[in-house]
Amino acid sequence: MNQSLAVWTVIVLSLITANLPFVLQRRFLVLPWTQAGESRRPAWLQWLVSLVFFGLLLGLAYLAYLTIGRAYFMASDLASVALFVGKLVLTVGLVALLLALPGRRNQEQSGQKSFLARMLELLVFYGLVGALGFAFEINMGNLFTQTWEFYAITLSLFLVLGYPGFVYRYLLRRPKPKRQPA
């Protein structure tokens, strides 16, 4: 894979995923506590469902890391490009389906996501895009070891990329709907 294509793919995905928790009201995570608008469930069941959800999410991230990182990609061969893009689309599609499940599960309930839930979603998206970036790095050659500074800087950049969504959700004044006289 071309290095500049990989870098731009990660940057564009980072921009999109960093803004999703703020722009959309739909829930992306199954959290172990009851959020506003959700029906009450036993605590042990909520923890179990949340652990299974995060286990599946971690498994899909690891699967993406393995399938994309070890994919054979030669830019001159059309078959290898198609196979690589197919693996990439399949992996991203599976992750998107899993992340759509919590919103689908709570479709009938309406409620505001808390700021903490949005931040947790942002951290999960950071991890998923980071796994994809590491997979691209392995696909192009060697995986370089990273220290805490790398993660601090990339998380800061990810938060900066999410700033437009934050402004849209919390800082923009939206006109309130006018009430009809009764």
C-alpha atoms as a PDB file:
ATOM      1  CA  MET A   1       0.000   0.000   0.000  1.00  0.00           C
ATOM      2  CA  ASN A   2       1.162   3.488  -0.781  1.00  0.00           C
ATOM      3  CA  GLN A   3       2.203   5.334   2.366  1.00  0.00           C
ATOM      4  CA  SER A   4       0.498   8.610   1.481  1.00  0.00           C
ATOM      5  CA  LEU A   5      -2.758   6.777   0.676  1.00  0.00           C
ATOM      6  CA  ALA A   6      -2.624   5.004   4.042  1.00  0.00           C
ATOM      7  CA  VAL A   7      -1.936   8.239   5.909  1.00  0.00           C
ATOM      8  CA  TRP A   8      -4.770  10.102   4.185  1.00  0.00           C
ATOM      9  CA  THR A   9      -7.140   7.203   4.766  1.00  0.00           C
ATOM     10  CA  VAL A  10      -6.382   7.281   8.496  1.00  0.00           C
ATOM     11  CA  ILE A  11      -6.718  11.079   8.615  1.00  0.00           C
ATOM     12  CA  VAL A  12     -10.093  11.092   6.828  1.00  0.00           C
ATOM     13  CA  LEU A  13     -11.410   8.232   8.993  1.00  0.00           C
ATOM     14  CA  SER A  14     -10.172  10.078  12.083  1.00  0.00           C
ATOM     15  CA  LEU A  15     -11.985  13.244  11.043  1.00  0.00           C
ATOM     16  CA  ILE A  16     -15.224  11.368  10.442  1.00  0.00           C
ATOM     17  CA  THR A  17     -15.118   9.179  13.554  1.00  0.00           C
ATOM     18  CA  ALA A  18     -13.994  11.984  15.861  1.00  0.00           C
ATOM     19  CA  ASN A  19     -17.111  13.971  14.981  1.00  0.00           C
ATOM     20  CA  LEU A  20     -19.647  11.116  14.979  1.00  0.00           C
ATOM     21  CA  PRO A  21     -20.282  11.033  18.759  1.00  0.00           C
ATOM     22  CA  PHE A  22     -21.109  14.745  18.754  1.00  0.00           C
ATOM     23  CA  VAL A  23     -23.066  15.024  15.526  1.00  0.00           C
ATOM     24  CA  LEU A  24     -25.255  11.944  15.931  1.00  0.00           C
ATOM     25  CA  GLN A  25     -27.521  11.328  18.886  1.00  0.00           C
ATOM     26  CA  ARG A  26     -27.498   7.576  18.199  1.00  0.00           C
ATOM     27  CA  ARG A  27     -25.661   5.458  20.739  1.00  0.00           C
ATOM     28  CA  PHE A  28     -22.598   3.557  19.526  1.00  0.00           C
ATOM     29  CA  LEU A  29     -21.668   1.704  22.720  1.00  0.00           C
ATOM     30  CA  VAL A  30     -23.408  -0.650  25.113  1.00  0.00           C
ATOM     31  CA  LEU A  31     -22.433   0.879  28.436  1.00  0.00           C
ATOM     32  CA  PRO A  32     -22.779  -0.979  31.743  1.00  0.00           C
ATOM     33  CA  TRP A  33     -24.995   1.702  33.291  1.00  0.00           C
ATOM     34  CA  THR A  34     -28.446   2.905  32.296  1.00  0.00           C
ATOM     35  CA  GLN A  35     -28.377   5.972  30.102  1.00  0.00           C
ATOM     36  CA  ALA A  36     -31.128   8.559  29.793  1.00  0.00           C
ATOM     37  CA  GLY A  37     -34.107   7.156  27.918  1.00  0.00           C
ATOM     38  CA  GLU A  38     -33.109   3.495  28.297  1.00  0.00           C
ATOM     39  CA  SER A  39     -35.295   0.936  29.967  1.00  0.00           C
ATOM     40  CA  ARG A  40     -34.030  -0.410  33.291  1.00  0.00           C
ATOM     41  CA  ARG A  41     -32.397  -3.818  33.258  1.00  0.00           C
ATOM     42  CA  PRO A  42     -30.768  -5.792  36.035  1.00  0.00           C
ATOM     43  CA  ALA A  43     -27.228  -4.565  36.729  1.00  0.00           C
ATOM     44  CA  TRP A  44     -25.632  -7.957  36.162  1.00  0.00           C
ATOM     45  CA  LEU A  45     -27.306  -8.248  32.751  1.00  0.00           C
ATOM     46  CA  GLN A  46     -26.170  -4.787  31.699  1.00  0.00           C
ATOM     47  CA  TRP A  47     -22.591  -5.577  32.721  1.00  0.00           C
ATOM     48  CA  LEU A  48     -22.703  -8.906  30.892  1.00  0.00           C
ATOM     49  CA  VAL A  49     -24.078  -7.390  27.683  1.00  0.00           C
ATOM     50  CA  SER A  50     -21.536  -4.575  27.876  1.00  0.00           C
ATOM     51  CA  LEU A  51     -18.638  -6.998  28.383  1.00  0.00           C
ATOM     52  CA  VAL A  52     -19.780  -9.135  25.441  1.00  0.00           C
ATOM     53  CA  PHE A  53     -20.142  -6.025  23.260  1.00  0.00           C
ATOM     54  CA  PHE A  54     -16.675  -4.717  24.107  1.00  0.00           C
ATOM     55  CA  GLY A  55     -15.207  -8.203  23.682  1.00  0.00           C
ATOM     56  CA  LEU A  56     -16.701  -8.429  20.198  1.00  0.00           C
ATOM     57  CA  LEU A  57     -15.442  -4.933  19.405  1.00  0.00           C
ATOM     58  CA  LEU A  58     -11.944  -5.804  20.585  1.00  0.00           C
ATOM     59  CA  GLY A  59     -12.058  -9.038  18.589  1.00  0.00           C
ATOM     60  CA  LEU A  60     -13.074  -7.186  15.438  1.00  0.00           C
ATOM     61  CA  ALA A  61     -10.279  -4.650  15.942  1.00  0.00           C
ATOM     62  CA  TYR A  62      -7.790  -7.495  16.318  1.00  0.00           C
ATOM     63  CA  LEU A  63      -9.240  -9.212  13.252  1.00  0.00           C
ATOM     64  CA  ALA A  64      -8.797  -5.987  11.274  1.00  0.00           C
ATOM     65  CA  TYR A  65      -5.251  -5.739  12.543  1.00  0.00           C
ATOM     66  CA  LEU A  66      -4.504  -9.271  11.347  1.00  0.00           C
ATOM     67  CA  THR A  67      -6.379  -9.333   8.037  1.00  0.00           C
ATOM     68  CA  ILE A  68      -5.305  -5.906   6.807  1.00  0.00           C
ATOM     69  CA  GLY A  69      -1.820  -6.088   8.290  1.00  0.00           C
ATOM     70  CA  ARG A  70      -1.023  -9.388   6.627  1.00  0.00           C
ATOM     71  CA  ALA A  71      -2.854  -8.735   3.369  1.00  0.00           C
ATOM     72  CA  TYR A  72      -0.792  -9.038   0.221  1.00  0.00           C
ATOM     73  CA  PHE A  73      -0.938  -5.713  -1.591  1.00  0.00           C
ATOM     74  CA  MET A  74       0.913  -4.870  -4.762  1.00  0.00           C
ATOM     75  CA  ALA A  75      -0.201  -1.659  -6.441  1.00  0.00           C
ATOM     76  CA  SER A  76       0.629  -2.933  -9.938  1.00  0.00           C
ATOM     77  CA  ASP A  77      -1.572  -6.028  -9.625  1.00  0.00           C
ATOM     78  CA  LEU A  78      -5.287  -5.287  -9.922  1.00  0.00           C
ATOM     79  CA  ALA A  79      -6.324  -8.517  -8.174  1.00  0.00           C
ATOM     80  CA  SER A  80      -4.269  -7.744  -5.054  1.00  0.00           C
ATOM     81  CA  VAL A  81      -5.668  -4.201  -4.927  1.00  0.00           C
ATOM     82  CA  ALA A  82      -9.230  -5.512  -5.208  1.00  0.00           C
ATOM     83  CA  LEU A  83      -8.600  -8.146  -2.529  1.00  0.00           C
ATOM     84  CA  PHE A  84      -7.074  -5.574  -0.174  1.00  0.00           C
ATOM     85  CA  VAL A  85      -9.905  -3.081  -0.688  1.00  0.00           C
ATOM     86  CA  GLY A  86     -12.421  -5.912  -0.224  1.00  0.00           C
ATOM     87  CA  LYS A  87     -10.830  -6.905   3.095  1.00  0.00           C
ATOM     88  CA  LEU A  88     -10.780  -3.267   4.180  1.00  0.00           C
ATOM     89  CA  VAL A  89     -14.436  -2.685   3.270  1.00  0.00           C
ATOM     90  CA  LEU A  90     -15.519  -5.956   4.907  1.00  0.00           C
ATOM     91  CA  THR A  91     -13.677  -5.153   8.136  1.00  0.00           C
ATOM     92  CA  VAL A  92     -14.961  -1.580   8.333  1.00  0.00           C
ATOM     93  CA  GLY A  93     -18.468  -2.836   7.506  1.00  0.00           C
ATOM     94  CA  LEU A  94     -18.394  -5.417  10.313  1.00  0.00           C
ATOM     95  CA  VAL A  95     -17.240  -2.796  12.815  1.00  0.00           C
ATOM     96  CA  ALA A  96     -19.934  -0.388  11.591  1.00  0.00           C
ATOM     97  CA  LEU A  97     -22.602  -3.084  11.997  1.00  0.00           C
ATOM     98  CA  LEU A  98     -21.467  -3.817  15.540  1.00  0.00           C
ATOM     99  CA  LEU A  99     -21.434  -0.109  16.420  1.00  0.00           C
ATOM    100  CA  ALA A 100     -24.932   0.325  14.941  1.00  0.00           C
ATOM    101  CA  LEU A 101     -26.336  -2.401  17.195  1.00  0.00           C
ATOM    102  CA  PRO A 102     -26.703  -0.271  20.397  1.00  0.00           C
ATOM    103  CA  GLY A 103     -28.576   2.452  18.528  1.00  0.00           C
ATOM    104  CA  ARG A 104     -30.831  -0.122  16.923  1.00  0.00           C
ATOM    105  CA  ARG A 105     -31.451  -1.751  20.295  1.00  0.00           C
ATOM    106  CA  ASN A 106     -32.605   1.549  21.828  1.00  0.00           C
ATOM    107  CA  GLN A 107     -34.370   2.870  18.760  1.00  0.00           C
ATOM    108  CA  GLU A 108     -37.748   3.343  20.402  1.00  0.00           C
ATOM    109  CA  GLN A 109     -36.353   5.268  23.376  1.00  0.00           C
ATOM    110  CA  SER A 110     -35.242   8.828  22.920  1.00  0.00           C
ATOM    111  CA  GLY A 111     -32.789  10.412  25.256  1.00  0.00           C
ATOM    112  CA  GLN A 112     -29.756  12.606  25.309  1.00  0.00           C
ATOM    113  CA  LYS A 113     -26.343  11.003  25.440  1.00  0.00           C
ATOM    114  CA  SER A 114     -24.282  12.233  28.324  1.00  0.00           C
ATOM    115  CA  PHE A 115     -20.959  13.966  27.812  1.00  0.00           C
ATOM    116  CA  LEU A 116     -19.206  10.979  29.400  1.00  0.00           C
ATOM    117  CA  ALA A 117     -20.833   8.601  26.902  1.00  0.00           C
ATOM    118  CA  ARG A 118     -19.684  10.826  24.038  1.00  0.00           C
ATOM    119  CA  MET A 119     -16.125  10.849  25.391  1.00  0.00           C
ATOM    120  CA  LEU A 120     -16.115   7.062  25.758  1.00  0.00           C
ATOM    121  CA  GLU A 121     -17.344   6.728  22.188  1.00  0.00           C
ATOM    122  CA  LEU A 122     -14.576   9.083  21.105  1.00  0.00           C
ATOM    123  CA  LEU A 123     -11.955   6.931  22.860  1.00  0.00           C
ATOM    124  CA  VAL A 124     -13.333   3.756  21.269  1.00  0.00           C
ATOM    125  CA  PHE A 125     -13.200   5.362  17.827  1.00  0.00           C
ATOM    126  CA  TYR A 126      -9.629   6.474  18.561  1.00  0.00           C
ATOM    127  CA  GLY A 127      -8.683   2.880  19.351  1.00  0.00           C
ATOM    128  CA  LEU A 128     -10.374   1.524  16.227  1.00  0.00           C
ATOM    129  CA  VAL A 129      -8.715   4.034  13.914  1.00  0.00           C
ATOM    130  CA  GLY A 130      -5.412   3.399  15.690  1.00  0.00           C
ATOM    131  CA  ALA A 131      -5.745  -0.346  15.084  1.00  0.00           C
ATOM    132  CA  LEU A 132      -6.389   0.363  11.427  1.00  0.00           C
ATOM    133  CA  GLY A 133      -3.335   2.637  11.309  1.00  0.00           C
ATOM    134  CA  PHE A 134      -1.157  -0.076  12.856  1.00  0.00           C
ATOM    135  CA  ALA A 135      -2.546  -2.570  10.339  1.00  0.00           C
ATOM    136  CA  PHE A 136      -1.582  -0.241   7.496  1.00  0.00           C
ATOM    137  CA  GLU A 137       1.876   0.148   9.020  1.00  0.00           C
ATOM    138  CA  ILE A 138       2.393  -3.624   9.204  1.00  0.00           C
ATOM    139  CA  ASN A 139       1.118  -3.979   5.650  1.00  0.00           C
ATOM    140  CA  MET A 140       3.748  -1.526   4.382  1.00  0.00           C
ATOM    141  CA  GLY A 141       6.671  -2.962   6.296  1.00  0.00           C
ATOM    142  CA  ASN A 142       7.799  -3.065   9.891  1.00  0.00           C
ATOM    143  CA  LEU A 143       5.769  -2.171  12.934  1.00  0.00           C
ATOM    144  CA  PHE A 144       7.568   0.497  14.944  1.00  0.00           C
ATOM    145  CA  THR A 145       7.393   0.482  18.725  1.00  0.00           C
ATOM    146  CA  GLN A 146       5.682   3.522  20.209  1.00  0.00           C
ATOM    147  CA  THR A 147       6.039   5.135  23.605  1.00  0.00           C
ATOM    148  CA  TRP A 148       3.468   7.061  25.611  1.00  0.00           C
ATOM    149  CA  GLU A 149       4.357  10.321  23.828  1.00  0.00           C
ATOM    150  CA  PHE A 150       3.049   8.942  20.541  1.00  0.00           C
ATOM    151  CA  TYR A 151      -0.304   8.043  22.093  1.00  0.00           C
ATOM    152  CA  ALA A 152      -0.587  11.389  23.901  1.00  0.00           C
ATOM    153  CA  ILE A 153       0.042  13.313  20.680  1.00  0.00           C
ATOM    154  CA  THR A 154      -2.261  11.200  18.503  1.00  0.00           C
ATOM    155  CA  LEU A 155      -5.059  11.355  21.077  1.00  0.00           C
ATOM    156  CA  SER A 156      -4.650  15.133  21.221  1.00  0.00           C
ATOM    157  CA  LEU A 157      -4.838  15.323  17.430  1.00  0.00           C
ATOM    158  CA  PHE A 158      -7.911  13.099  17.444  1.00  0.00           C
ATOM    159  CA  LEU A 159      -9.589  15.401  19.978  1.00  0.00           C
ATOM    160  CA  VAL A 160      -8.716  18.427  17.820  1.00  0.00           C
ATOM    161  CA  LEU A 161     -10.263  16.713  14.794  1.00  0.00           C
ATOM    162  CA  GLY A 162     -13.436  16.220  16.859  1.00  0.00           C
ATOM    163  CA  TYR A 163     -13.685  19.907  17.761  1.00  0.00           C
ATOM    164  CA  PRO A 164     -16.134  20.832  14.942  1.00  0.00           C
ATOM    165  CA  GLY A 165     -18.591  18.233  16.232  1.00  0.00           C
ATOM    166  CA  PHE A 166     -18.143  19.525  19.792  1.00  0.00           C
ATOM    167  CA  VAL A 167     -18.870  23.072  18.611  1.00  0.00           C
ATOM    168  CA  TYR A 168     -21.938  21.864  16.751  1.00  0.00           C
ATOM    169  CA  ARG A 169     -23.292  19.962  19.765  1.00  0.00           C
ATOM    170  CA  TYR A 170     -22.471  22.265  22.672  1.00  0.00           C
ATOM    171  CA  LEU A 171     -21.512  25.758  21.501  1.00  0.00           C
ATOM    172  CA  LEU A 172     -23.798  26.597  18.576  1.00  0.00           C
ATOM    173  CA  ARG A 173     -27.034  28.266  19.446  1.00  0.00           C
ATOM    174  CA  ARG A 174     -29.927  26.688  17.643  1.00  0.00           C
ATOM    175  CA  PRO A 175     -33.284  28.429  17.463  1.00  0.00           C
ATOM    176  CA  LYS A 176     -35.908  26.865  19.638  1.00  0.00           C
ATOM    177  CA  PRO A 177     -39.044  25.658  17.874  1.00  0.00           C
ATOM    178  CA  LYS A 178     -41.955  28.067  18.171  1.00  0.00           C
ATOM    179  CA  ARG A 179     -44.962  26.824  20.104  1.00  0.00           C
ATOM    180  CA  GLN A 180     -48.311  26.809  18.470  1.00  0.00           C
ATOM    181  CA  PRO A 181     -51.024  28.671  20.395  1.00  0.00           C
ATOM    182  CA  ALA A 182     -53.590  26.313  21.838  1.00  0.00           C
END
